[in-house]
Amino acid sequence: MASYRRRLERDLDDWIGRGLVSADSRAAILDSVGEARRLDASTALAIIGGLLAGVAMIAFVAANWSDIPRIARFALVLTAFLASAGGAAWASGAGRTVTGHVLLSVAALVFAAAIGLTGQIFDIAGDPQAALRAAGLAAGLLALAGRSPWAAAVGLAMIAFGDFTGRSSFGGVPEAWPGWLVVAAPMGVVTALFWRSQALAHVAGIAAILAVLTFDDSLRSRPETVFLSAAAVLAAGAAGARFLRDRFEGPAVVLYGWFVWGALGCFGLSGFDDNLRGVGHSIAWLALAAGAVALGRHDRHAPVTAAGVIGLFAAGATLLFNLGVGLMTSAAVFGGAALVALAVAWAMRGRKNAA
């Protein structure tokens, strides 16, 4: 909503200047649109303080764990969870949305800690990966119950930690199945759009990119296929997010940026194995990166433009490598390109100031 209001303000000023709209109607039109709520500094600090208080509570209990009787430990963990969840329900009912989100996030963190601590209380052996995934699932259910994007972000983070805990990555025996992020990340994307949460959109966008790395078995046997497929999926996601910008402004814009970064990165990685794929791949990467720069400039989307610029430099480096150019020559080429870019930027700034 905020970005739409800013565009409308500029358009109204232009229309008023051309006599298309009466200046007296400006305030009424803007009031009909409204303005998205922005968190001030005091509210942001209160949010951070609340989350840190939850973490401090968990750390305090863990530090004094051996001095607390077994039943008292279980009661303490259960009370902390119920108090956080109950406080979130009360805050939501009282219209204190931010407080409710903070308390639900704390409840999700307490529940995650409770899984491990309860296992210690009753000497129950467990799998850390399963515990983190269970904590993420519980945080997701709490988020749905309270319509809290922050708790959903905590849940995605827990699932991500679970996916990569104990995972062989690129060494040892690979995992036969991908991680939970393959399903959880798209769900987070959809939830971020419908709840219009930029914070959740950031976490979901990053999770969607990380989900590619959970295909251990396929990454070992055919990495170029996995990364090319991921690039295509993320590019489609970027196109979809771009198309939905007018309807879901804030989160769609955030996802648009992350998906472009992921698509360009995955396409670049598809050319790396024992040897670089060759000049053709580098040229294609250059073309895609240049397209991202043009698209980012057209949409006035800085993250997309930045992804394209970084892609140009990375693709240019691989092209020089494939052409057999030495490091000193490569350094000279990039240095010259940097000087040209700075000169053009300086000239454009001077022309803008003169105008």
Foldseek 3Di string as FASTA:
>chain_A
DAVVLVVVLVVVVVCVVVVNDPPVCVVVVSVVVDHDDDDDPVLVVVLVVLLVVLVVVLVVCVVCVVVDQLVVSLVVLVVLLCVLLVQLVVCVVVVNNSSNLSSLLSSLVSQLSSLVSNCVSVVNDDDQLVSLLVSLVVLCVSCVVNVHLNSNLVSLVSQLCSLPVVAQQADDDHDQDFGPLCPSLVVLLVSCQVSLPQVSLLSSLVSLLCSLSRNGVCCVVQVLVSLQVSLVVLVVLLVVLVVCCVPSPRSSLNNNLSSLLSNLVSLCCSQDDPAGVALVSLVVLLVSLVVQLVVCVVVVRVSSNVSSVVSNLVSVVSNCVRVVHDPVVNVVVVVVVVVVVVVVVVVVVVVVVVD
